[in-house]
Structure formats: structure tokens, C-alpha cells
């Protein structure tokens, strides 16, 4: 596992396929802020609260010049079902091999629990606000799932 990036660090580059089959990379977000949030699993209680919080405040986030991109290790079909069920207005990135989560220090780490979570493909819940130049502006290490959008908006 890579060390978790800190504010001021360059954001690790990534490339992956989103809910609708589109390939995206960090470079696609240059010139605007990106709220890159990692979550454990589609359609679970905490992850649903977090996604719906961001959904309910998406217009405010966009008005502050930011895009939202969720990342977990489920496949595109799982992300599509989750997106449709909760009408999420932002894409979810299918990180099936955990490569993006590892680059951001959201998967892996020392200890038995981390090893078990990694084997199961369950990433940590962590959010990175990336500025328009591709640098980490803020890290929310322990997001409040039900009020996550408010946490994000306070930092934008």
C-alpha cells in the first residue's frame, strides 16, 4: 500500500472505467476541483448514506466548481445498479483490482484487519479534495457518511 497522500502532495494519477463505461483519468479533471471519495461497498447502509448525502448536495458542490467521483472495488454492473437505485448524478469508478485505492492509501496497510479487508477488496472510507492543478487540497480521513456533503462543502 502506498502512503496516503497529504494536503499539498500531487494526487496520484489514475485511470479507470465508470458507471456508464466511460474511461476517466485524473487529467480529465484538470482545471476544476475533484471530490474523490473511496467507499467500501455499493448498496450497504453507510455507503448509501454517504452517496445520498453527496447526491442531495450535488448542485451546491458543482456550483463551487467541483466534480464528484466515487471509487470502490465493485464492477461496473454493481455501480450501475447502485447509481440507478439511488439516482446518483455523479459517476462511480470500478476499481476491480484495487489499484486506484492502493495508490491513494485506501486499501492495504499493516495488521490482520487490513489484510482481511484487502483480501475482500474492501477499501477504507476516505475522501480527497483535489485542486484544479492536481494536488491534494484536503483529506477527510473519517467521513461522517450521513453528512458527508456538508463536510465537503465546508472545504470547497
N, C-alpha and C. Protein backbone atom coordinates (compact mmCIF):
# COMPACT_ATOMS: atom_id res chain seq x y z
N UNK A 1 0.84 -1.18 0.00
CA UNK A 1 0.00 0.00 0.00
C UNK A 1 0.89 1.24 0.00
N UNK A 2 0.51 2.18 -0.83
CA UNK A 2 1.21 3.46 -0.83
C UNK A 2 0.76 4.27 0.38
N UNK A 3 1.59 5.18 0.80
CA UNK A 3 1.21 6.07 1.89
C UNK A 3 0.04 6.93 1.41
N UNK A 4 -0.84 7.24 2.31
CA UNK A 4 -1.98 8.09 1.98
C UNK A 4 -1.47 9.50 1.67
N UNK A 5 -1.81 10.05 0.50
CA UNK A 5 -1.37 11.41 0.17
C UNK A 5 -1.90 12.41 1.20
N UNK A 6 -1.14 13.47 1.39
CA UNK A 6 -1.48 14.51 2.36
C UNK A 6 -1.69 15.82 1.61
N UNK A 7 -2.34 16.78 2.25
CA UNK A 7 -2.52 18.08 1.59
C UNK A 7 -1.19 18.64 1.10
N UNK A 8 -1.20 19.12 -0.14
CA UNK A 8 -0.01 19.66 -0.78
C UNK A 8 0.68 18.66 -1.69
N UNK A 9 0.45 17.36 -1.47
CA UNK A 9 1.05 16.33 -2.32
C UNK A 9 0.37 16.31 -3.69
N UNK A 10 1.11 15.90 -4.72
CA UNK A 10 0.44 15.68 -6.00
C UNK A 10 -0.51 14.49 -5.86
N UNK A 11 -1.68 14.60 -6.44
CA UNK A 11 -2.63 13.49 -6.41
C UNK A 11 -2.11 12.38 -7.32
N UNK A 12 -2.13 11.13 -6.85
CA UNK A 12 -1.71 10.03 -7.71
C UNK A 12 -2.58 9.96 -8.97
N UNK A 13 -1.95 9.75 -10.09
CA UNK A 13 -2.70 9.63 -11.34
C UNK A 13 -3.52 8.35 -11.28
N UNK A 14 -4.63 8.34 -11.97
CA UNK A 14 -5.44 7.13 -12.06
C UNK A 14 -6.14 7.09 -13.40
N UNK A 15 -6.59 5.92 -13.75
CA UNK A 15 -7.37 5.70 -14.95
C UNK A 15 -8.30 4.54 -14.64
N UNK A 16 -9.56 4.66 -15.03
CA UNK A 16 -10.50 3.59 -14.78
C UNK A 16 -11.80 3.79 -15.52
N UNK A 17 -12.67 2.79 -15.41
CA UNK A 17 -13.95 2.80 -16.10
C UNK A 17 -15.05 3.14 -15.09
N UNK A 18 -15.94 4.03 -15.50
CA UNK A 18 -17.02 4.48 -14.62
C UNK A 18 -18.32 3.73 -14.91
N UNK A 19 -19.33 4.12 -14.16
CA UNK A 19 -20.65 3.52 -14.20
C UNK A 19 -21.17 3.31 -15.62
N UNK A 20 -20.99 4.30 -16.46
CA UNK A 20 -21.55 4.23 -17.82
C UNK A 20 -20.57 3.68 -18.85
N UNK A 21 -19.45 3.13 -18.40
CA UNK A 21 -18.48 2.55 -19.32
C UNK A 21 -17.45 3.53 -19.85
N UNK A 22 -17.49 4.78 -19.39
CA UNK A 22 -16.53 5.79 -19.81
C UNK A 22 -15.21 5.61 -19.06
N UNK A 23 -14.11 5.75 -19.78
CA UNK A 23 -12.80 5.72 -19.14
C UNK A 23 -12.45 7.14 -18.71
N UNK A 24 -12.07 7.29 -17.44
CA UNK A 24 -11.68 8.60 -16.92
C UNK A 24 -10.30 8.51 -16.28
N UNK A 25 -9.65 9.66 -16.20
CA UNK A 25 -8.36 9.75 -15.53
C UNK A 25 -8.31 11.05 -14.75
N UNK A 26 -7.31 11.18 -13.90
CA UNK A 26 -7.15 12.41 -13.14
C UNK A 26 -7.04 13.60 -14.07
N UNK A 27 -6.35 13.43 -15.19
CA UNK A 27 -6.15 14.53 -16.14
C UNK A 27 -7.47 15.10 -16.66
N UNK A 28 -8.52 14.29 -16.70
CA UNK A 28 -9.83 14.76 -17.17
C UNK A 28 -10.43 15.84 -16.27
N UNK A 29 -9.91 15.95 -15.05
CA UNK A 29 -10.46 16.90 -14.08
C UNK A 29 -9.57 18.13 -13.90
N UNK A 30 -8.50 18.25 -14.68
CA UNK A 30 -7.63 19.43 -14.57
C UNK A 30 -8.44 20.69 -14.81
N UNK A 31 -8.13 21.71 -14.01
CA UNK A 31 -8.82 22.98 -14.15
C UNK A 31 -10.06 23.11 -13.29
N UNK A 32 -10.45 22.02 -12.62
CA UNK A 32 -11.57 22.10 -11.67
C UNK A 32 -11.27 21.17 -10.50
N UNK A 33 -11.95 21.39 -9.42
CA UNK A 33 -11.74 20.58 -8.22
C UNK A 33 -12.42 19.22 -8.39
N UNK A 34 -11.86 18.23 -7.74
CA UNK A 34 -12.42 16.89 -7.76
C UNK A 34 -12.58 16.39 -6.34
N UNK A 35 -13.77 15.93 -6.01
CA UNK A 35 -14.04 15.26 -4.74
C UNK A 35 -13.97 13.76 -5.06
N UNK A 36 -12.84 13.15 -4.72
CA UNK A 36 -12.59 11.74 -5.00
C UNK A 36 -12.83 10.99 -3.69
N UNK A 37 -13.93 10.23 -3.66
CA UNK A 37 -14.24 9.55 -2.40
C UNK A 37 -14.20 8.04 -2.58
N UNK A 38 -13.51 7.40 -1.65
CA UNK A 38 -13.41 5.95 -1.63
C UNK A 38 -14.40 5.43 -0.59
N UNK A 39 -15.07 4.35 -0.94
CA UNK A 39 -16.05 3.77 -0.03
C UNK A 39 -15.97 2.25 -0.11
N UNK A 40 -16.40 1.55 0.95
CA UNK A 40 -16.21 0.10 1.00
C UNK A 40 -17.01 -0.70 -0.04
N UNK A 41 -18.34 -0.45 -0.16
CA UNK A 41 -19.14 -1.35 -0.99
C UNK A 41 -20.48 -0.73 -1.38
N UNK A 42 -20.87 -0.97 -2.63
CA UNK A 42 -22.15 -0.49 -3.12
C UNK A 42 -23.32 -1.02 -2.28
N UNK A 43 -24.32 -0.18 -2.11
CA UNK A 43 -25.62 -0.55 -1.55
C UNK A 43 -25.55 -1.13 -0.14
N UNK A 44 -24.61 -0.66 0.66
CA UNK A 44 -24.57 -1.00 2.08
C UNK A 44 -25.02 0.24 2.85
N UNK A 45 -25.47 0.11 4.09
CA UNK A 45 -26.06 1.26 4.78
C UNK A 45 -25.19 2.52 4.83
N UNK A 46 -23.94 2.41 5.27
CA UNK A 46 -23.09 3.59 5.37
C UNK A 46 -22.75 4.18 4.02
N UNK A 47 -22.48 3.31 3.06
CA UNK A 47 -22.11 3.78 1.72
C UNK A 47 -23.30 4.44 1.03
N UNK A 48 -24.48 3.92 1.28
CA UNK A 48 -25.69 4.53 0.71
C UNK A 48 -25.92 5.91 1.32
N UNK A 49 -25.78 6.03 2.65
CA UNK A 49 -25.93 7.34 3.29
C UNK A 49 -24.95 8.34 2.71
N UNK A 50 -23.70 7.92 2.53
CA UNK A 50 -22.66 8.81 2.02
C UNK A 50 -22.99 9.24 0.59
N UNK A 51 -23.32 8.30 -0.27
CA UNK A 51 -23.63 8.62 -1.66
C UNK A 51 -24.85 9.53 -1.76
N UNK A 52 -25.87 9.25 -0.94
CA UNK A 52 -27.09 10.07 -0.99
C UNK A 52 -26.84 11.47 -0.43
N UNK A 53 -25.98 11.60 0.55
CA UNK A 53 -25.62 12.93 1.04
C UNK A 53 -24.97 13.73 -0.08
N UNK A 54 -24.05 13.13 -0.79
CA UNK A 54 -23.39 13.82 -1.90
C UNK A 54 -24.39 14.09 -3.03
N UNK A 55 -25.29 13.15 -3.29
CA UNK A 55 -26.34 13.34 -4.30
C UNK A 55 -27.21 14.54 -3.96
N UNK A 56 -27.64 14.62 -2.72
CA UNK A 56 -28.58 15.67 -2.32
C UNK A 56 -27.96 17.06 -2.35
N UNK A 57 -26.64 17.14 -2.34
CA UNK A 57 -25.95 18.43 -2.37
C UNK A 57 -25.09 18.59 -3.62
N UNK A 58 -25.34 17.76 -4.62
CA UNK A 58 -24.51 17.78 -5.83
C UNK A 58 -24.52 19.15 -6.51
N UNK A 59 -25.68 19.77 -6.61
CA UNK A 59 -25.76 21.08 -7.29
C UNK A 59 -24.90 22.11 -6.57
N UNK A 60 -24.87 22.07 -5.24
CA UNK A 60 -24.04 23.01 -4.47
C UNK A 60 -22.55 22.73 -4.69
N UNK A 61 -22.21 21.46 -4.76
CA UNK A 61 -20.81 21.07 -4.98
C UNK A 61 -20.37 21.53 -6.37
N UNK A 62 -21.20 21.28 -7.36
CA UNK A 62 -20.90 21.70 -8.73
C UNK A 62 -20.80 23.23 -8.82
N UNK A 63 -21.69 23.93 -8.10
CA UNK A 63 -21.66 25.40 -8.10
C UNK A 63 -20.36 25.94 -7.53
N UNK A 64 -19.69 25.14 -6.70
CA UNK A 64 -18.39 25.55 -6.13
C UNK A 64 -17.23 25.09 -7.02
N UNK A 65 -17.54 24.64 -8.23
CA UNK A 65 -16.51 24.29 -9.20
C UNK A 65 -15.89 22.92 -9.03
N UNK A 66 -16.63 22.01 -8.43
CA UNK A 66 -16.08 20.67 -8.18
C UNK A 66 -16.93 19.59 -8.85
N UNK A 67 -16.27 18.49 -9.15
CA UNK A 67 -16.93 17.27 -9.63
C UNK A 67 -16.76 16.22 -8.54
N UNK A 68 -17.67 15.25 -8.53
CA UNK A 68 -17.61 14.15 -7.57
C UNK A 68 -17.34 12.86 -8.34
N UNK A 69 -16.46 12.03 -7.80
CA UNK A 69 -16.20 10.71 -8.36
C UNK A 69 -16.04 9.74 -7.20
N UNK A 70 -16.93 8.75 -7.14
CA UNK A 70 -16.84 7.72 -6.12
C UNK A 70 -16.02 6.54 -6.62
N UNK A 71 -15.30 5.88 -5.71
CA UNK A 71 -14.45 4.74 -6.09
C UNK A 71 -14.64 3.60 -5.11
N UNK A 72 -14.93 2.41 -5.64
CA UNK A 72 -14.89 1.18 -4.84
C UNK A 72 -14.51 0.04 -5.76
N UNK A 73 -14.32 -1.14 -5.20
CA UNK A 73 -13.79 -2.26 -5.97
C UNK A 73 -14.86 -3.10 -6.66
N UNK A 74 -16.13 -2.71 -6.58
CA UNK A 74 -17.15 -3.46 -7.30
C UNK A 74 -17.05 -3.15 -8.80
N UNK A 75 -17.69 -3.99 -9.61
CA UNK A 75 -17.62 -3.82 -11.06
C UNK A 75 -18.64 -2.79 -11.56
N UNK A 76 -18.58 -2.54 -12.85
CA UNK A 76 -19.45 -1.53 -13.47
C UNK A 76 -20.93 -1.88 -13.28
N UNK A 77 -21.29 -3.18 -13.38
CA UNK A 77 -22.69 -3.59 -13.24
C UNK A 77 -23.20 -3.27 -11.83
N UNK A 78 -22.41 -3.55 -10.81
CA UNK A 78 -22.80 -3.23 -9.44
C UNK A 78 -22.97 -1.72 -9.28
N UNK A 79 -22.02 -0.96 -9.81
CA UNK A 79 -22.09 0.50 -9.73
C UNK A 79 -23.33 1.03 -10.46
N UNK A 80 -23.63 0.43 -11.60
CA UNK A 80 -24.81 0.86 -12.38
C UNK A 80 -26.09 0.65 -11.57
N UNK A 81 -26.22 -0.53 -10.95
CA UNK A 81 -27.41 -0.81 -10.13
C UNK A 81 -27.53 0.19 -8.98
N UNK A 82 -26.40 0.44 -8.30
CA UNK A 82 -26.36 1.37 -7.16
C UNK A 82 -26.74 2.78 -7.63
N UNK A 83 -26.17 3.19 -8.75
CA UNK A 83 -26.45 4.53 -9.30
C UNK A 83 -27.91 4.68 -9.68
N UNK A 84 -28.46 3.68 -10.34
CA UNK A 84 -29.87 3.74 -10.75
C UNK A 84 -30.81 3.71 -9.55
N UNK A 85 -30.53 2.85 -8.60
CA UNK A 85 -31.41 2.70 -7.43
C UNK A 85 -31.52 4.00 -6.64
N UNK A 86 -30.40 4.72 -6.50
CA UNK A 86 -30.39 5.93 -5.68
C UNK A 86 -30.27 7.21 -6.52
N UNK A 87 -30.38 7.07 -7.84
CA UNK A 87 -30.33 8.22 -8.76
C UNK A 87 -29.13 9.13 -8.48
N UNK A 88 -27.97 8.53 -8.49
CA UNK A 88 -26.75 9.30 -8.23
C UNK A 88 -26.38 10.09 -9.48
N UNK A 89 -26.13 11.39 -9.34
CA UNK A 89 -25.83 12.23 -10.51
C UNK A 89 -24.35 12.25 -10.90
N UNK A 90 -23.53 11.54 -10.17
CA UNK A 90 -22.09 11.53 -10.42
C UNK A 90 -21.65 10.09 -10.71
N UNK A 91 -20.53 9.93 -11.41
CA UNK A 91 -20.06 8.59 -11.76
C UNK A 91 -19.36 7.89 -10.59
N UNK A 92 -19.34 6.57 -10.69
CA UNK A 92 -18.60 5.72 -9.77
C UNK A 92 -17.55 4.98 -10.58
N UNK A 93 -16.35 4.92 -10.09
CA UNK A 93 -15.24 4.27 -10.78
C UNK A 93 -15.10 2.84 -10.28
N UNK A 94 -15.07 1.89 -11.20
CA UNK A 94 -14.91 0.48 -10.86
C UNK A 94 -13.42 0.17 -10.73
N UNK A 95 -12.95 0.04 -9.50
CA UNK A 95 -11.54 -0.21 -9.20
C UNK A 95 -11.37 -1.68 -8.85
N UNK A 96 -11.71 -2.56 -9.79
CA UNK A 96 -11.77 -4.01 -9.53
C UNK A 96 -10.47 -4.58 -8.96
N UNK A 97 -9.34 -4.10 -9.42
CA UNK A 97 -8.07 -4.64 -8.93
C UNK A 97 -7.52 -3.86 -7.74
N UNK A 98 -8.22 -2.82 -7.32
CA UNK A 98 -7.80 -2.03 -6.16
C UNK A 98 -6.61 -1.13 -6.42
N UNK A 99 -6.21 -0.99 -7.66
CA UNK A 99 -5.01 -0.21 -7.99
C UNK A 99 -5.15 1.26 -7.60
N UNK A 100 -6.32 1.84 -7.86
CA UNK A 100 -6.53 3.25 -7.53
C UNK A 100 -6.56 3.42 -6.01
N UNK A 101 -7.29 2.54 -5.32
CA UNK A 101 -7.37 2.61 -3.86
C UNK A 101 -5.99 2.45 -3.22
N UNK A 102 -5.18 1.56 -3.76
CA UNK A 102 -3.82 1.39 -3.21
C UNK A 102 -2.98 2.64 -3.42
N UNK A 103 -3.11 3.26 -4.59
CA UNK A 103 -2.33 4.47 -4.89
C UNK A 103 -2.67 5.61 -3.93
N UNK A 104 -3.91 5.61 -3.43
CA UNK A 104 -4.35 6.66 -2.51
C UNK A 104 -4.30 6.20 -1.05
N UNK A 105 -3.72 5.03 -0.79
CA UNK A 105 -3.60 4.54 0.58
C UNK A 105 -4.93 4.17 1.20
N UNK A 106 -5.92 3.84 0.36
CA UNK A 106 -7.25 3.49 0.87
C UNK A 106 -7.48 1.98 0.92
N UNK A 107 -6.49 1.20 0.51
CA UNK A 107 -6.61 -0.25 0.53
C UNK A 107 -5.24 -0.82 0.90
N UNK A 108 -5.23 -1.73 1.83
CA UNK A 108 -3.98 -2.33 2.28
C UNK A 108 -3.60 -1.80 3.64
N UNK A 109 -2.36 -1.97 3.99
CA UNK A 109 -1.88 -1.49 5.28
C UNK A 109 -1.49 -2.61 6.20
N UNK A 110 -0.93 -2.26 7.35
CA UNK A 110 -0.45 -3.28 8.29
C UNK A 110 -1.59 -3.87 9.13
N UNK A 111 -1.36 -5.06 9.60
CA UNK A 111 -2.30 -5.69 10.53
C UNK A 111 -3.23 -6.69 9.87
N UNK A 112 -3.79 -7.55 10.71
CA UNK A 112 -4.69 -8.60 10.23
C UNK A 112 -5.99 -8.05 9.65
N UNK A 113 -6.57 -7.05 10.30
CA UNK A 113 -7.82 -6.49 9.81
C UNK A 113 -7.62 -5.87 8.43
N UNK A 114 -6.54 -5.13 8.26
CA UNK A 114 -6.25 -4.52 6.95
C UNK A 114 -6.03 -5.60 5.90
N UNK A 115 -5.34 -6.67 6.27
CA UNK A 115 -5.11 -7.78 5.33
C UNK A 115 -6.42 -8.43 4.93
N UNK A 116 -7.32 -8.64 5.90
CA UNK A 116 -8.62 -9.25 5.60
C UNK A 116 -9.46 -8.34 4.71
N UNK A 117 -9.46 -7.05 5.02
CA UNK A 117 -10.21 -6.10 4.20
C UNK A 117 -9.65 -6.04 2.77
N UNK A 118 -8.33 -6.11 2.64
CA UNK A 118 -7.71 -6.09 1.32
C UNK A 118 -8.07 -7.34 0.54
N UNK A 119 -8.02 -8.50 1.18
CA UNK A 119 -8.40 -9.74 0.50
C UNK A 119 -9.85 -9.70 0.03
N UNK A 120 -10.71 -9.07 0.81
CA UNK A 120 -12.12 -8.95 0.45
C UNK A 120 -12.35 -7.79 -0.53
N UNK A 121 -11.32 -6.99 -0.78
CA UNK A 121 -11.47 -5.86 -1.70
C UNK A 121 -12.27 -4.72 -1.11
N UNK A 122 -12.19 -4.55 0.20
CA UNK A 122 -12.96 -3.50 0.88
C UNK A 122 -12.03 -2.34 1.23
N UNK A 123 -12.23 -1.24 0.54
CA UNK A 123 -11.40 -0.05 0.76
C UNK A 123 -11.85 0.71 2.00
N UNK A 124 -10.96 1.53 2.51
CA UNK A 124 -11.30 2.44 3.60
C UNK A 124 -12.25 3.52 3.08
N UNK A 125 -13.02 4.09 3.97
CA UNK A 125 -13.85 5.25 3.64
C UNK A 125 -12.98 6.49 3.86
N UNK A 126 -12.57 7.13 2.78
CA UNK A 126 -11.72 8.31 2.85
C UNK A 126 -12.01 9.17 1.63
N UNK A 127 -11.93 10.48 1.80
CA UNK A 127 -12.20 11.41 0.70
C UNK A 127 -11.04 12.36 0.51
N UNK A 128 -10.72 12.61 -0.74
CA UNK A 128 -9.67 13.55 -1.12
C UNK A 128 -10.31 14.66 -1.94
N UNK A 129 -10.04 15.89 -1.55
CA UNK A 129 -10.43 17.03 -2.37
C UNK A 129 -9.16 17.43 -3.12
N UNK A 130 -9.24 17.34 -4.45
CA UNK A 130 -8.09 17.61 -5.30
C UNK A 130 -8.32 18.94 -6.01
N UNK A 131 -7.32 19.81 -5.99
CA UNK A 131 -7.49 21.12 -6.63
C UNK A 131 -7.35 21.00 -8.15
N UNK A 132 -7.60 22.09 -8.85
CA UNK A 132 -7.57 22.11 -10.30
C UNK A 132 -6.22 21.85 -10.91
N UNK A 133 -5.18 21.91 -10.10
CA UNK A 133 -3.82 21.64 -10.59
C UNK A 133 -3.37 20.21 -10.30
N UNK A 134 -4.27 19.41 -9.72
CA UNK A 134 -3.94 18.01 -9.45
C UNK A 134 -3.21 17.77 -8.15
N UNK A 135 -3.36 18.66 -7.19
CA UNK A 135 -2.73 18.49 -5.88
C UNK A 135 -3.81 18.22 -4.83
N UNK A 136 -3.44 17.46 -3.82
CA UNK A 136 -4.36 17.19 -2.73
C UNK A 136 -4.56 18.49 -1.94
N UNK A 137 -5.79 18.94 -1.86
CA UNK A 137 -6.10 20.15 -1.09
C UNK A 137 -6.52 19.78 0.33
N UNK A 138 -7.32 18.71 0.45
CA UNK A 138 -7.83 18.29 1.76
C UNK A 138 -8.01 16.77 1.76
N UNK A 139 -7.89 16.19 2.95
CA UNK A 139 -8.16 14.76 3.15
C UNK A 139 -9.15 14.66 4.30
N UNK A 140 -10.23 13.93 4.07
CA UNK A 140 -11.20 13.64 5.13
C UNK A 140 -11.01 12.16 5.45
N UNK A 141 -10.26 11.89 6.54
CA UNK A 141 -9.90 10.52 6.88
C UNK A 141 -11.05 9.69 7.43
N UNK A 142 -11.95 10.33 8.12
CA UNK A 142 -13.08 9.62 8.72
C UNK A 142 -14.37 10.37 8.40
N UNK A 143 -14.84 10.25 7.16
CA UNK A 143 -16.06 10.98 6.78
C UNK A 143 -17.27 10.56 7.62
N UNK A 144 -18.12 11.51 7.89
CA UNK A 144 -19.42 11.26 8.51
C UNK A 144 -20.36 10.94 7.36
N UNK A 145 -20.65 9.66 7.17
CA UNK A 145 -21.39 9.22 5.98
C UNK A 145 -22.69 9.99 5.76
N UNK A 146 -23.47 10.18 6.80
CA UNK A 146 -24.76 10.85 6.65
C UNK A 146 -24.69 12.34 6.37
N UNK A 147 -23.56 12.95 6.68
CA UNK A 147 -23.39 14.41 6.49
C UNK A 147 -22.13 14.72 5.69
N UNK A 148 -21.78 13.80 4.82
CA UNK A 148 -20.52 13.95 4.10
C UNK A 148 -20.50 15.17 3.18
N UNK A 149 -21.60 15.43 2.53
CA UNK A 149 -21.63 16.59 1.62
C UNK A 149 -21.35 17.89 2.37
N UNK A 150 -21.87 18.02 3.57
CA UNK A 150 -21.62 19.23 4.37
C UNK A 150 -20.13 19.35 4.69
N UNK A 151 -19.49 18.22 5.00
CA UNK A 151 -18.04 18.22 5.26
C UNK A 151 -17.29 18.71 4.01
N UNK A 152 -17.68 18.18 2.86
CA UNK A 152 -17.03 18.54 1.60
C UNK A 152 -17.26 20.00 1.28
N UNK A 153 -18.51 20.47 1.39
CA UNK A 153 -18.83 21.86 1.06
C UNK A 153 -18.05 22.85 1.93
N UNK A 154 -17.81 22.48 3.17
CA UNK A 154 -17.06 23.36 4.07
C UNK A 154 -15.61 23.53 3.61
N UNK A 155 -15.11 22.60 2.80
CA UNK A 155 -13.72 22.64 2.34
C UNK A 155 -13.56 23.21 0.93
N UNK A 156 -14.65 23.33 0.20
CA UNK A 156 -14.55 23.80 -1.19
C UNK A 156 -14.45 25.31 -1.29
